[in-house]
C-alpha atoms as a PDB file:
ATOM      1  CA  MET A   1      10.941 -15.703   6.004  1.00  0.00           C
ATOM      2  CA  LYS A   2       8.861 -12.320   6.500  1.00  0.00           C
ATOM      3  CA  TYR A   3       9.231 -12.821  10.153  1.00  0.00           C
ATOM      4  CA  LYS A   4      12.543 -13.639   9.964  1.00  0.00           C
ATOM      5  CA  PHE A   5      13.231 -10.288   8.549  1.00  0.00           C
ATOM      6  CA  LEU A   6      11.424  -8.479  10.817  1.00  0.00           C
ATOM      7  CA  LEU A   7      13.398 -10.047  13.659  1.00  0.00           C
ATOM      8  CA  PHE A   8      16.795  -9.032  12.000  1.00  0.00           C
ATOM      9  CA  LEU A   9      15.363  -5.482  11.751  1.00  0.00           C
ATOM     10  CA  LEU A  10      14.632  -5.246  15.678  1.00  0.00           C
ATOM     11  CA  LEU A  11      18.040  -6.990  16.612  1.00  0.00           C
ATOM     12  CA  PHE A  12      19.862  -5.750  14.711  1.00  0.00           C
ATOM     13  CA  PRO A  13      21.347  -2.660  16.467  1.00  0.00           C
ATOM     14  CA  VAL A  14      21.605  -5.119  19.423  1.00  0.00           C
ATOM     15  CA  ILE A  15      24.370  -7.031  17.663  1.00  0.00           C
ATOM     16  CA  ILE A  16      26.240  -3.798  16.651  1.00  0.00           C
ATOM     17  CA  LYS A  17      25.934  -2.112  19.978  1.00  0.00           C
ATOM     18  CA  ALA A  18      29.278  -2.525  20.895  1.00  0.00           C
ATOM     19  CA  GLN A  19      30.580  -0.934  18.450  1.00  0.00           C
ATOM     20  CA  ALA A  20      31.665   2.921  18.038  1.00  0.00           C
ATOM     21  CA  PHE A  21      28.777   5.184  16.891  1.00  0.00           C
ATOM     22  CA  ARG A  22      29.543   8.372  14.925  1.00  0.00           C
ATOM     23  CA  ASN A  23      27.715  11.160  15.237  1.00  0.00           C
ATOM     24  CA  TYR A  24      28.530  12.531  11.581  1.00  0.00           C
ATOM     25  CA  SER A  25      28.307   9.521   9.490  1.00  0.00           C
ATOM     26  CA  ASN A  26      27.325   9.399   5.850  1.00  0.00           C
ATOM     27  CA  GLU A  27      26.669  12.962   5.419  1.00  0.00           C
ATOM     28  CA  PHE A  28      26.619  13.083   2.302  1.00  0.00           C
ATOM     29  CA  LEU A  29      23.106  11.424   2.557  1.00  0.00           C
ATOM     30  CA  SER A  30      22.138  14.268   4.651  1.00  0.00           C
ATOM     31  CA  ILE A  31      22.211  16.905   1.427  1.00  0.00           C
ATOM     32  CA  GLY A  32      18.641  16.457  -0.165  1.00  0.00           C
ATOM     33  CA  VAL A  33      17.728  15.574  -3.273  1.00  0.00           C
ATOM     34  CA  ASP A  34      14.738  17.327  -6.021  1.00  0.00           C
ATOM     35  CA  ALA A  35      14.761  21.409  -5.985  1.00  0.00           C
ATOM     36  CA  ALA A  36      10.885  20.962  -5.932  1.00  0.00           C
ATOM     37  CA  ALA A  37      11.669  19.424  -1.787  1.00  0.00           C
ATOM     38  CA  LEU A  38      15.101  22.145  -1.541  1.00  0.00           C
ATOM     39  CA  GLY A  39      12.705  25.048  -2.186  1.00  0.00           C
ATOM     40  CA  MET A  40      10.377  24.169   0.741  1.00  0.00           C
ATOM     41  CA  SER A  41      13.506  23.438   3.117  1.00  0.00           C
ATOM     42  CA  LYS A  42      13.027  20.425   2.854  1.00  0.00           C
ATOM     43  CA  ALA A  43       9.946  20.349   4.754  1.00  0.00           C
ATOM     44  CA  VAL A  44       7.964  17.597   2.721  1.00  0.00           C
ATOM     45  CA  VAL A  45       8.124  14.266   4.853  1.00  0.00           C
ATOM     46  CA  ALA A  46       4.352  14.021   5.512  1.00  0.00           C
ATOM     47  CA  THR A  47       3.373  15.308   1.481  1.00  0.00           C
ATOM     48  CA  THR A  48       6.012  14.001  -0.724  1.00  0.00           C
ATOM     49  CA  ASN A  49       4.361  11.244  -3.350  1.00  0.00           C
ATOM     50  CA  ASN A  50       6.527  11.303  -6.532  1.00  0.00           C
ATOM     51  CA  VAL A  51       9.367   9.453  -7.402  1.00  0.00           C
ATOM     52  CA  ASN A  52      11.630  11.807  -5.327  1.00  0.00           C
ATOM     53  CA  ALA A  53       9.617  10.200  -2.065  1.00  0.00           C
ATOM     54  CA  MET A  54      11.953   6.832  -1.922  1.00  0.00           C
ATOM     55  CA  TYR A  55      14.628   9.502  -0.457  1.00  0.00           C
ATOM     56  CA  TRP A  56      12.313  11.891   1.597  1.00  0.00           C
ATOM     57  CA  ASN A  57       9.751   9.264   2.725  1.00  0.00           C
ATOM     58  CA  PRO A  58       9.455   5.805   0.803  1.00  0.00           C
ATOM     59  CA  ALA A  59       6.113   5.502   1.815  1.00  0.00           C
ATOM     60  CA  GLY A  60       5.006   8.633  -0.634  1.00  0.00           C
ATOM     61  CA  LEU A  61       5.928   5.967  -3.925  1.00  0.00           C
ATOM     62  CA  ALA A  62       2.381   4.464  -2.963  1.00  0.00           C
ATOM     63  CA  GLY A  63       1.129   7.607  -4.391  1.00  0.00           C
ATOM     64  CA  ILE A  64       2.349   7.015  -8.136  1.00  0.00           C
ATOM     65  CA  GLU A  65       0.033   6.113 -10.661  1.00  0.00           C
ATOM     66  CA  ASP A  66       2.946   5.198 -13.792  1.00  0.00           C
ATOM     67  CA  TYR A  67       6.485   5.314 -14.526  1.00  0.00           C
ATOM     68  CA  GLN A  68       8.149   7.896 -13.075  1.00  0.00           C
ATOM     69  CA  GLY A  69      12.013   9.228 -13.492  1.00  0.00           C
ATOM     70  CA  SER A  70      13.721  11.804 -11.765  1.00  0.00           C
ATOM     71  CA  LEU A  71      17.593  13.691 -12.365  1.00  0.00           C
ATOM     72  CA  MET A  72      19.284  16.252 -10.333  1.00  0.00           C
ATOM     73  CA  HIS A  73      22.675  17.704 -10.576  1.00  0.00           C
ATOM     74  CA  ALA A  74      24.396  20.172  -8.388  1.00  0.00           C
ATOM     75  CA  SER A  75      28.195  21.733  -7.771  1.00  0.00           C
ATOM     76  CA  TYR A  76      29.050  21.317  -3.847  1.00  0.00           C
ATOM     77  CA  PHE A  77      31.623  24.000  -2.275  1.00  0.00           C
ATOM     78  CA  ALA A  78      31.621  26.342  -4.955  1.00  0.00           C
ATOM     79  CA  GLY A  79      32.077  23.841  -7.253  1.00  0.00           C
ATOM     80  CA  ILE A  80      34.808  21.867  -6.026  1.00  0.00           C
ATOM     81  CA  ALA A  81      32.431  18.901  -5.687  1.00  0.00           C
ATOM     82  CA  ASN A  82      29.889  17.552  -7.660  1.00  0.00           C
ATOM     83  CA  TYR A  83      26.508  15.928  -6.500  1.00  0.00           C
ATOM     84  CA  ASN A  84      24.456  13.640  -8.762  1.00  0.00           C
ATOM     85  CA  TYR A  85      21.258  11.895  -8.249  1.00  0.00           C
ATOM     86  CA  ALA A  86      18.972   9.429 -10.610  1.00  0.00           C
ATOM     87  CA  ALA A  87      15.721   7.481  -9.658  1.00  0.00           C
ATOM     88  CA  PHE A  88      13.271   5.469 -11.198  1.00  0.00           C
ATOM     89  CA  ALA A  89       9.930   3.974  -9.672  1.00  0.00           C
ATOM     90  CA  MET A  90       6.849   2.116 -10.829  1.00  0.00           C
ATOM     91  CA  PRO A  91       3.426   0.524  -9.642  1.00  0.00           C
ATOM     92  CA  ILE A  92       3.571  -2.736  -8.891  1.00  0.00           C
ATOM     93  CA  ASP A  93      -0.355  -2.495  -8.083  1.00  0.00           C
ATOM     94  CA  GLN A  94      -3.161  -0.692  -7.063  1.00  0.00           C
ATOM     95  CA  ASN A  95      -1.620  -0.683  -3.437  1.00  0.00           C
ATOM     96  CA  SER A  96       1.865  -0.712  -3.966  1.00  0.00           C
ATOM     97  CA  ALA A  97       5.071   0.690  -5.644  1.00  0.00           C
ATOM     98  CA  LEU A  98       8.757  -0.383  -6.485  1.00  0.00           C
ATOM     99  CA  GLY A  99      11.390   2.272  -6.876  1.00  0.00           C
ATOM    100  CA  PHE A 100      15.231   2.898  -7.931  1.00  0.00           C
ATOM    101  CA  SER A 101      17.691   5.578  -7.167  1.00  0.00           C
ATOM    102  CA  VAL A 102      21.485   6.271  -7.016  1.00  0.00           C
ATOM    103  CA  ILE A 103      23.386   9.216  -5.444  1.00  0.00           C
ATOM    104  CA  ARG A 104      27.055  10.204  -6.135  1.00  0.00           C
ATOM    105  CA  PHE A 105      29.235  13.049  -4.347  1.00  0.00           C
ATOM    106  CA  GLY A 106      32.573  13.115  -5.412  1.00  0.00           C
ATOM    107  CA  VAL A 107      35.249  15.487  -5.563  1.00  0.00           C
ATOM    108  CA  ASP A 108      37.464  14.378  -8.568  1.00  0.00           C
ATOM    109  CA  ASP A 109      41.258  15.424  -9.838  1.00  0.00           C
ATOM    110  CA  ILE A 110      42.498  15.747  -6.189  1.00  0.00           C
ATOM    111  CA  LEU A 111      46.464  16.064  -6.521  1.00  0.00           C
ATOM    112  CA  ASN A 112      48.385  13.274  -4.770  1.00  0.00           C
ATOM    113  CA  THR A 113      51.477  14.760  -3.834  1.00  0.00           C
ATOM    114  CA  THR A 114      52.629  11.537  -1.803  1.00  0.00           C
ATOM    115  CA  GLU A 115      55.089  10.865  -3.465  1.00  0.00           C
ATOM    116  CA  LEU A 116      56.316  14.229  -4.636  1.00  0.00           C
ATOM    117  CA  ILE A 117      59.827  14.071  -2.778  1.00  0.00           C
ATOM    118  CA  ASP A 118      61.822  11.249  -3.917  1.00  0.00           C
ATOM    119  CA  GLY A 119      64.172   9.039  -1.843  1.00  0.00           C
ATOM    120  CA  ASP A 120      66.904  11.704  -2.313  1.00  0.00           C
ATOM    121  CA  GLY A 121      65.235  14.497  -0.934  1.00  0.00           C
ATOM    122  CA  ASN A 122      64.343  15.823  -4.789  1.00  0.00           C
ATOM    123  CA  ILE A 123      61.113  17.451  -5.438  1.00  0.00           C
ATOM    124  CA  ASP A 124      59.856  15.513  -8.649  1.00  0.00           C
ATOM    125  CA  PHE A 125      56.566  16.701 -10.031  1.00  0.00           C
ATOM    126  CA  ASN A 126      56.039  13.359 -12.570  1.00  0.00           C
ATOM    127  CA  ARG A 127      55.686  11.619  -9.498  1.00  0.00           C
ATOM    128  CA  VAL A 128      52.518  13.356  -8.748  1.00  0.00           C
ATOM    129  CA  SER A 129      49.133  11.792  -9.707  1.00  0.00           C
ATOM    130  CA  LEU A 130      45.510  12.190  -9.510  1.00  0.00           C
ATOM    131  CA  PHE A 131      42.493  10.498  -7.706  1.00  0.00           C
ATOM    132  CA  SER A 132      39.150  11.030  -6.814  1.00  0.00           C
ATOM    133  CA  ALA A 133      37.233  10.446  -3.513  1.00  0.00           C
ATOM    134  CA  ALA A 134      33.703   9.508  -4.134  1.00  0.00           C
ATOM    135  CA  ASP A 135      30.413   8.488  -1.898  1.00  0.00           C
ATOM    136  CA  TYR A 136      27.944   6.278  -3.518  1.00  0.00           C
ATOM    137  CA  ALA A 137      24.468   5.439  -2.311  1.00  0.00           C
ATOM    138  CA  PHE A 138      22.748   2.823  -4.124  1.00  0.00           C
ATOM    139  CA  ASN A 139      18.320   2.662  -3.060  1.00  0.00           C
ATOM    140  CA  VAL A 140      15.520   0.383  -3.519  1.00  0.00           C
ATOM    141  CA  ALA A 141      12.507   1.148  -1.985  1.00  0.00           C
ATOM    142  CA  TYR A 142       9.283  -0.086  -1.652  1.00  0.00           C
ATOM    143  CA  ALA A 143       5.671   1.358  -0.493  1.00  0.00           C
ATOM    144  CA  ARG A 144       2.603  -0.049   0.209  1.00  0.00           C
ATOM    145  CA  ASN A 145      -1.184   1.126   1.424  1.00  0.00           C
ATOM    146  CA  LEU A 146      -2.036  -0.439   4.491  1.00  0.00           C
ATOM    147  CA  ILE A 147      -5.006  -1.954   5.106  1.00  0.00           C
ATOM    148  CA  PHE A 148      -6.461   1.189   7.268  1.00  0.00           C
ATOM    149  CA  LYS A 149      -7.772   4.204   5.447  1.00  0.00           C
ATOM    150  CA  ASP A 150      -5.320   6.823   3.899  1.00  0.00           C
ATOM    151  CA  VAL A 151      -2.336   5.190   5.555  1.00  0.00           C
ATOM    152  CA  LYS A 152       0.721   4.920   3.818  1.00  0.00           C
ATOM    153  CA  PHE A 153       4.103   2.642   4.697  1.00  0.00           C
ATOM    154  CA  GLY A 154       7.673   2.310   2.821  1.00  0.00           C
ATOM    155  CA  VAL A 155      10.876   1.265   3.112  1.00  0.00           C
ATOM    156  CA  ASN A 156      14.075   2.007   1.554  1.00  0.00           C
ATOM    157  CA  ALA A 157      16.932  -0.423   1.759  1.00  0.00           C
ATOM    158  CA  LYS A 158      20.480   0.979   0.773  1.00  0.00           C
ATOM    159  CA  VAL A 159      24.356  -0.177  -0.220  1.00  0.00           C
ATOM    160  CA  VAL A 160      26.757   2.906   0.259  1.00  0.00           C
ATOM    161  CA  ARG A 161      29.863   2.498  -1.813  1.00  0.00           C
ATOM    162  CA  ARG A 162      32.880   5.132  -0.490  1.00  0.00           C
ATOM    163  CA  ILE A 163      36.055   5.123  -2.439  1.00  0.00           C
ATOM    164  CA  ILE A 164      39.189   7.331  -1.700  1.00  0.00           C
ATOM    165  CA  GLY A 165      41.482   6.838  -4.259  1.00  0.00           C
ATOM    166  CA  GLU A 166      43.711   4.296  -3.654  1.00  0.00           C
ATOM    167  CA  PHE A 167      44.006   4.612   0.049  1.00  0.00           C
ATOM    168  CA  ALA A 168      40.685   3.406   1.443  1.00  0.00           C
ATOM    169  CA  THR A 169      37.382   2.144   0.255  1.00  0.00           C
ATOM    170  CA  SER A 170      33.849   1.084   2.164  1.00  0.00           C
ATOM    171  CA  TRP A 171      30.856  -0.987   1.997  1.00  0.00           C
ATOM    172  CA  GLY A 172      27.807  -0.020   3.938  1.00  0.00           C
ATOM    173  CA  PHE A 173      24.013  -1.053   4.373  1.00  0.00           C
ATOM    174  CA  GLY A 174      21.037   0.413   6.003  1.00  0.00           C
ATOM    175  CA  PHE A 175      17.312   0.698   5.955  1.00  0.00           C
ATOM    176  CA  ASP A 176      14.868   3.808   6.209  1.00  0.00           C
ATOM    177  CA  ALA A 177      11.257   3.406   6.986  1.00  0.00           C
ATOM    178  CA  GLY A 178       8.388   5.850   7.017  1.00  0.00           C
ATOM    179  CA  ILE A 179       4.789   6.339   7.243  1.00  0.00           C
ATOM    180  CA  GLN A 180       2.219   8.727   5.952  1.00  0.00           C
ATOM    181  CA  PHE A 181      -1.537   9.270   7.218  1.00  0.00           C
ATOM    182  CA  GLN A 182      -3.521  11.513   4.954  1.00  0.00           C
ATOM    183  CA  ARG A 183      -7.073  12.643   6.442  1.00  0.00           C
ATOM    184  CA  ASN A 184      -9.087  15.133   4.468  1.00  0.00           C
ATOM    185  CA  ASP A 185      -6.854  18.415   3.638  1.00  0.00           C
ATOM    186  CA  TRP A 186      -4.142  17.473   6.420  1.00  0.00           C
ATOM    187  CA  HIS A 187      -1.084  14.836   6.021  1.00  0.00           C
ATOM    188  CA  PHE A 188       1.140  13.579   8.755  1.00  0.00           C
ATOM    189  CA  GLY A 189       4.349  12.118   7.946  1.00  0.00           C
ATOM    190  CA  LEU A 190       7.189   9.962  10.133  1.00  0.00           C
ATOM    191  CA  MET A 191      10.467   9.233   8.140  1.00  0.00           C
ATOM    192  CA  VAL A 192      13.207   7.352  10.624  1.00  0.00           C
ATOM    193  CA  ARG A 193      16.486   7.370   8.899  1.00  0.00           C
ATOM    194  CA  ASP A 194      19.327   4.306   9.856  1.00  0.00           C
ATOM    195  CA  ILE A 195      16.065   2.775  11.663  1.00  0.00           C
ATOM    196  CA  THR A 196      18.662  -0.556  12.082  1.00  0.00           C
ATOM    197  CA  THR A 197      21.632   1.954  11.889  1.00  0.00           C
ATOM    198  CA  THR A 198      23.650   2.054   8.849  1.00  0.00           C
ATOM    199  CA  PHE A 199      27.047   0.139   9.119  1.00  0.00           C
ATOM    200  CA  ASN A 200      29.971   0.959   7.016  1.00  0.00           C
ATOM    201  CA  SER A 201      33.202  -1.526   6.770  1.00  0.00           C
ATOM    202  CA  TRP A 202      36.149   0.454   5.813  1.00  0.00           C
ATOM    203  CA  SER A 203      39.564  -1.368   4.346  1.00  0.00           C
ATOM    204  CA  ILE A 204      42.217   0.747   4.327  1.00  0.00           C
ATOM    205  CA  ASN A 205      45.845   0.469   1.633  1.00  0.00           C
ATOM    206  CA  GLU A 206      48.295  -0.254   4.323  1.00  0.00           C
ATOM    207  CA  THR A 207      50.847   0.458   2.150  1.00  0.00           C
ATOM    208  CA  GLU A 208      49.609   4.010   1.240  1.00  0.00           C
ATOM    209  CA  PHE A 209      49.142   4.982   4.561  1.00  0.00           C
ATOM    210  CA  GLU A 210      52.578   3.743   5.055  1.00  0.00           C
ATOM    211  CA  LYS A 211      53.629   6.830   2.957  1.00  0.00           C
ATOM    212  CA  ILE A 212      52.084   9.486   4.765  1.00  0.00           C
ATOM    213  CA  LYS A 213      52.618   8.068   8.124  1.00  0.00           C
ATOM    214  CA  ASN A 214      55.624  10.203   9.309  1.00  0.00           C
ATOM    215  CA  ALA A 215      54.589  13.298   6.910  1.00  0.00           C
ATOM    216  CA  ILE A 216      54.087  15.114  10.524  1.00  0.00           C
ATOM    217  CA  PRO A 217      55.936  13.649  13.207  1.00  0.00           C
ATOM    218  CA  GLY A 218      54.006  12.308  16.157  1.00  0.00           C
ATOM    219  CA  GLN A 219      51.140  12.171  13.861  1.00  0.00           C
ATOM    220  CA  ASN A 220      48.890   9.596  11.963  1.00  0.00           C
ATOM    221  CA  GLN A 221      50.863   6.483  13.637  1.00  0.00           C
ATOM    222  CA  GLU A 222      47.965   4.447  13.505  1.00  0.00           C
ATOM    223  CA  LEU A 223      45.299   3.046  11.393  1.00  0.00           C
ATOM    224  CA  PRO A 224      42.035   4.974  11.751  1.00  0.00           C
ATOM    225  CA  GLU A 225      39.308   2.763  13.050  1.00  0.00           C
ATOM    226  CA  THR A 226      37.676   0.665  10.192  1.00  0.00           C
ATOM    227  CA  THR A 227      33.840   0.314  11.326  1.00  0.00           C
ATOM    228  CA  GLU A 228      31.372   3.183  11.190  1.00  0.00           C
ATOM    229  CA  ILE A 229      28.005   2.876  12.442  1.00  0.00           C
ATOM    230  CA  THR A 230      25.125   5.824  11.818  1.00  0.00           C
ATOM    231  CA  LYS A 231      22.956   6.650  14.446  1.00  0.00           C
ATOM    232  CA  PRO A 232      18.767   7.059  13.365  1.00  0.00           C
ATOM    233  CA  LYS A 233      17.688   9.974  12.668  1.00  0.00           C
ATOM    234  CA  VAL A 234      13.884  10.783  12.514  1.00  0.00           C
ATOM    235  CA  GLN A 235      11.914  13.420  10.811  1.00  0.00           C
ATOM    236  CA  LEU A 236       8.222  14.132  11.618  1.00  0.00           C
ATOM    237  CA  GLY A 237       5.991  16.398   9.640  1.00  0.00           C
ATOM    238  CA  VAL A 238       2.534  17.977   9.255  1.00  0.00           C
ATOM    239  CA  ALA A 239       1.197  19.783   6.584  1.00  0.00           C
ATOM    240  CA  LYS A 240      -2.269  21.197   4.916  1.00  0.00           C
ATOM    241  CA  ASN A 241      -3.759  22.380   1.881  1.00  0.00           C
ATOM    242  CA  PHE A 242      -5.629  25.408   1.233  1.00  0.00           C
ATOM    243  CA  ARG A 243      -8.154  26.741  -1.271  1.00  0.00           C
ATOM    244  CA  ILE A 244      -7.594  30.110  -2.524  1.00  0.00           C
ATOM    245  CA  GLY A 245      -9.932  31.346  -4.787  1.00  0.00           C
ATOM    246  CA  ARG A 246     -10.514  29.503  -8.116  1.00  0.00           C
ATOM    247  CA  PHE A 247      -7.154  28.787  -9.555  1.00  0.00           C
ATOM    248  CA  PHE A 248      -4.490  28.610  -6.209  1.00  0.00           C
ATOM    249  CA  ASN A 249      -4.036  26.108  -4.029  1.00  0.00           C
ATOM    250  CA  LEU A 250      -1.581  26.783  -0.796  1.00  0.00           C
ATOM    251  CA  LEU A 251      -0.105  23.892   0.694  1.00  0.00           C
ATOM    252  CA  SER A 252       2.179  24.535   3.921  1.00  0.00           C
ATOM    253  CA  GLU A 253       4.337  21.713   6.139  1.00  0.00           C
ATOM    254  CA  VAL A 254       5.994  22.032   9.140  1.00  0.00           C
ATOM    255  CA  ASP A 255       9.048  19.160   9.974  1.00  0.00           C
ATOM    256  CA  LEU A 256      10.815  18.347  13.010  1.00  0.00           C
ATOM    257  CA  ASN A 257      14.537  17.095  11.834  1.00  0.00           C
ATOM    258  CA  ILE A 258      15.781  15.307  15.229  1.00  0.00           C
ATOM    259  CA  ARG A 259      18.927  13.650  15.949  1.00  0.00           C
ATOM    260  CA  PHE A 260      19.794  12.000  18.876  1.00  0.00           C
ATOM    261  CA  ALA A 261      23.053  14.108  19.773  1.00  0.00           C
ATOM    262  CA  ARG A 262      23.900  17.873  21.096  1.00  0.00           C
ATOM    263  CA  THR A 263      24.636  20.074  18.134  1.00  0.00           C
ATOM    264  CA  ASN A 264      23.892  23.366  17.204  1.00  0.00           C
ATOM    265  CA  ASP A 265      20.194  23.146  16.307  1.00  0.00           C
ATOM    266  CA  VAL A 266      17.897  25.755  18.053  1.00  0.00           C
ATOM    267  CA  ILE A 267      16.722  22.908  20.645  1.00  0.00           C
ATOM    268  CA  SER A 268      19.382  20.958  21.852  1.00  0.00           C
ATOM    269  CA  THR A 269      20.000  18.167  24.629  1.00  0.00           C
ATOM    270  CA  ASP A 270      22.256  15.775  25.819  1.00  0.00           C
ATOM    271  CA  PHE A 271      19.760  12.951  23.793  1.00  0.00           C
ATOM    272  CA  ALA A 272      18.421  14.729  20.957  1.00  0.00           C
ATOM    273  CA  SER A 273      18.721  17.862  19.255  1.00  0.00           C
ATOM    274  CA  ILE A 274      15.462  19.041  17.032  1.00  0.00           C
ATOM    275  CA  ASP A 275      16.079  21.467  13.859  1.00  0.00           C
ATOM    276  CA  PRO A 276      12.418  22.730  12.464  1.00  0.00           C
ATOM    277  CA  ALA A 277      11.807  23.413   8.993  1.00  0.00           C
ATOM    278  CA  ILE A 278       8.919  25.425   7.360  1.00  0.00           C
ATOM    279  CA  GLY A 279       8.079  25.069   3.481  1.00  0.00           C
ATOM    280  CA  PHE A 280       5.078  26.409   1.631  1.00  0.00           C
ATOM    281  CA  GLN A 281       4.340  26.210  -1.964  1.00  0.00           C
ATOM    282  CA  LEU A 282       1.526  28.045  -3.916  1.00  0.00           C
ATOM    283  CA  ASP A 283       0.546  26.394  -7.107  1.00  0.00           C
ATOM    284  CA  TYR A 284      -1.801  27.532 -10.254  1.00  0.00           C
ATOM    285  CA  GLU A 285      -3.824  24.679 -11.085  1.00  0.00           C
ATOM    286  CA  ARG A 286      -1.049  22.565 -10.458  1.00  0.00           C
ATOM    287  CA  ILE A 287       0.782  24.124 -13.111  1.00  0.00           C
ATOM    288  CA  ALA A 288       3.383  26.470 -11.728  1.00  0.00           C
ATOM    289  CA  PHE A 289       4.613  26.546  -8.339  1.00  0.00           C
ATOM    290  CA  LEU A 290       5.831  29.503  -6.457  1.00  0.00           C
ATOM    291  CA  ARG A 291       7.638  28.049  -3.129  1.00  0.00           C
ATOM    292  CA  ILE A 292       9.787  29.458  -0.292  1.00  0.00           C
ATOM    293  CA  GLY A 293      11.411  27.914   3.243  1.00  0.00           C
ATOM    294  CA  VAL A 294      13.246  28.369   5.734  1.00  0.00           C
ATOM    295  CA  GLY A 295      15.222  26.056   8.255  1.00  0.00           C
ATOM    296  CA  ASN A 296      18.855  25.121   9.346  1.00  0.00           C
ATOM    297  CA  PHE A 297      18.036  27.037  12.654  1.00  0.00           C
ATOM    298  CA  GLN A 298      21.262  27.239  14.477  1.00  0.00           C
ATOM    299  CA  ASN A 299      22.579  28.718  17.564  1.00  0.00           C
ATOM    300  CA  THR A 300      25.790  30.514  16.419  1.00  0.00           C
ATOM    301  CA  THR A 301      28.585  31.969  18.982  1.00  0.00           C
ATOM    302  CA  GLU A 302      30.196  34.995  18.158  1.00  0.00           C
ATOM    303  CA  PHE A 303      33.505  36.202  17.945  1.00  0.00           C
ATOM    304  CA  ASP A 304      33.139  38.210  21.254  1.00  0.00           C
ATOM    305  CA  ASN A 305      31.133  34.825  22.587  1.00  0.00           C
ATOM    306  CA  SER A 306      27.816  36.438  22.467  1.00  0.00           C
ATOM    307  CA  LYS A 307      25.266  34.404  21.121  1.00  0.00           C
ATOM    308  CA  SER A 308      22.692  34.417  17.861  1.00  0.00           C
ATOM    309  CA  LEU A 309      19.931  32.641  15.972  1.00  0.00           C
ATOM    310  CA  SER A 310      20.880  31.685  12.296  1.00  0.00           C
ATOM    311  CA  MET A 311      18.475  30.559   9.777  1.00  0.00           C
ATOM    312  CA  GLN A 312      18.654  29.516   5.707  1.00  0.00           C
ATOM    313  CA  PRO A 313      15.817  30.964   3.826  1.00  0.00           C
ATOM    314  CA  ASN A 314      15.126  28.971   0.573  1.00  0.00           C
ATOM    315  CA  PHE A 315      13.535  29.840  -3.050  1.00  0.00           C
ATOM    316  CA  GLY A 316      12.096  27.551  -5.549  1.00  0.00           C
ATOM    317  CA  LEU A 317      10.255  27.776  -8.758  1.00  0.00           C
ATOM    318  CA  GLY A 318       8.729  24.904 -10.894  1.00  0.00           C
ATOM    319  CA  PHE A 319       6.272  23.777 -13.772  1.00  0.00           C
ATOM    320  CA  ILE A 320       4.987  20.669 -15.390  1.00  0.00           C
ATOM    321  CA  TYR A 321       4.462  20.719 -18.865  1.00  0.00           C
ATOM    322  CA  LYS A 322       3.333  17.124 -21.051  1.00  0.00           C
ATOM    323  CA  GLY A 323       4.340  15.442 -17.972  1.00  0.00           C
ATOM    324  CA  ILE A 324       7.725  16.866 -17.659  1.00  0.00           C
ATOM    325  CA  GLN A 325       8.247  18.681 -14.311  1.00  0.00           C
ATOM    326  CA  VAL A 326      10.994  21.214 -14.081  1.00  0.00           C
ATOM    327  CA  ASP A 327      12.217  23.168 -10.561  1.00  0.00           C
ATOM    328  CA  TYR A 328      14.420  24.946  -9.436  1.00  0.00           C
ATOM    329  CA  ALA A 329      16.080  26.167  -5.898  1.00  0.00           C
ATOM    330  CA  LEU A 330      17.682  28.748  -4.751  1.00  0.00           C
ATOM    331  CA  THR A 331      19.292  27.418  -1.702  1.00  0.00           C
ATOM    332  CA  ASN A 332      22.864  26.514   0.305  1.00  0.00           C
ATOM    333  CA  ILE A 333      23.171  22.727   0.431  1.00  0.00           C
ATOM    334  CA  GLY A 334      26.809  22.963   1.294  1.00  0.00           C
ATOM    335  CA  SER A 335      26.279  25.699   4.177  1.00  0.00           C
ATOM    336  CA  VAL A 336      30.400  26.817   3.747  1.00  0.00           C
ATOM    337  CA  GLY A 337      31.756  28.401   0.772  1.00  0.00           C
ATOM    338  CA  ASN A 338      32.600  31.082  -1.339  1.00  0.00           C
ATOM    339  CA  ALA A 339      28.809  31.185  -2.491  1.00  0.00           C
ATOM    340  CA  LEU A 340      26.044  32.448   0.157  1.00  0.00           C
ATOM    341  CA  PHE A 341      23.448  30.080  -2.192  1.00  0.00           C
ATOM    342  CA  SER A 342      23.511  27.478  -4.927  1.00  0.00           C
ATOM    343  CA  ASN A 343      21.429  27.275  -7.631  1.00  0.00           C
ATOM    344  CA  ILE A 344      19.482  24.013  -8.017  1.00  0.00           C
ATOM    345  CA  PHE A 345      17.828  22.100 -10.984  1.00  0.00           C
ATOM    346  CA  SER A 346      16.053  18.722 -10.984  1.00  0.00           C
ATOM    347  CA  ILE A 347      13.476  17.527 -13.699  1.00  0.00           C
ATOM    348  CA  THR A 348      10.967  14.607 -13.273  1.00  0.00           C
ATOM    349  CA  PHE A 349       9.209  13.029 -15.577  1.00  0.00           C
ATOM    350  CA  ASP A 350       5.479  11.259 -15.448  1.00  0.00           C
ATOM    351  CA  TYR A 351       4.715   8.821 -18.321  1.00  0.00           C
ATOM    352  CA  SER A 352       1.147   8.892 -17.099  1.00  0.00           C
ATOM    353  CA  PHE A 353       0.715  11.486 -19.121  1.00  0.00           C
ATOM    354  CA  PHE A 354       1.515   9.819 -22.342  1.00  0.00           C
ATOM    355  CA  ARG A 355      -1.103   7.241 -21.810  1.00  0.00           C
ATOM    356  CA  ARG A 356      -3.874   9.607 -21.737  1.00  0.00           C
END
């Protein structure tokens, strides 16, 4: 059975090769989780080692010692949308761990005006209803210490559910895989998202489609494609710990986020684009944390057609008290909107504290 599963992972991209790839699909899964990671500009692939590792690099789950949980809430697009995340992880034995998480990204109470005008051409506000557009991701992750010293491997299986009111729904599934290696104060990490590609199949309500089909003459005359396939993305990370004096530690990490498409990233080719991220974490006796980072390096074109380079700074704070870690990040998870930055809070629980 194990070998059949590995064969499926290898052959799945070939089976669906004829389908249409999407450069941007399931983008809500690229937002990120955990204020601690966001404060470091998401540069955590090599060092993540708690319950939130199932998102950043599932190999890091092998580092947990007891039950852990995590919660995060954030507003997106200046409060128009809500982004929620909850996770739980537990060790199976001394060498392996298991985790579960759910992510919801949704815009609620959207006005449905498709029937605002009745058959006689009259406006009837009683015909206006509300609907929600929501994306869900359900994840199950497994991690294990390999036979080699200081090497961890992890895999994350995800089911994606997307709902747009009564207009359309979809189911999707895919896998992420990651590996971490540590030697002395050096950490290395590799994360491949959608390693088998992530497949989404849409079901469109044709009755609702007919209501908007002729809203704009000559537009929306055909049903949209019902299949989306998300390309794999690769993240590489290297980090180092430094001891500063008697009480302080400094963690520094550099990540390379690679998409196999031409984008506005600082390094971009027809084959792949690379967006680097740099993060620093200064801690006092593993109790209080100060974090800074910079990422999202983008080539932008101004109104006069001149070129410039933009980047996004990030800032974070955190502390641990009696097994409860509270983190704050000042970042911009939306990249657009009325507010340049968002205030993100997250909380992580570690039950090992209560066993002492």
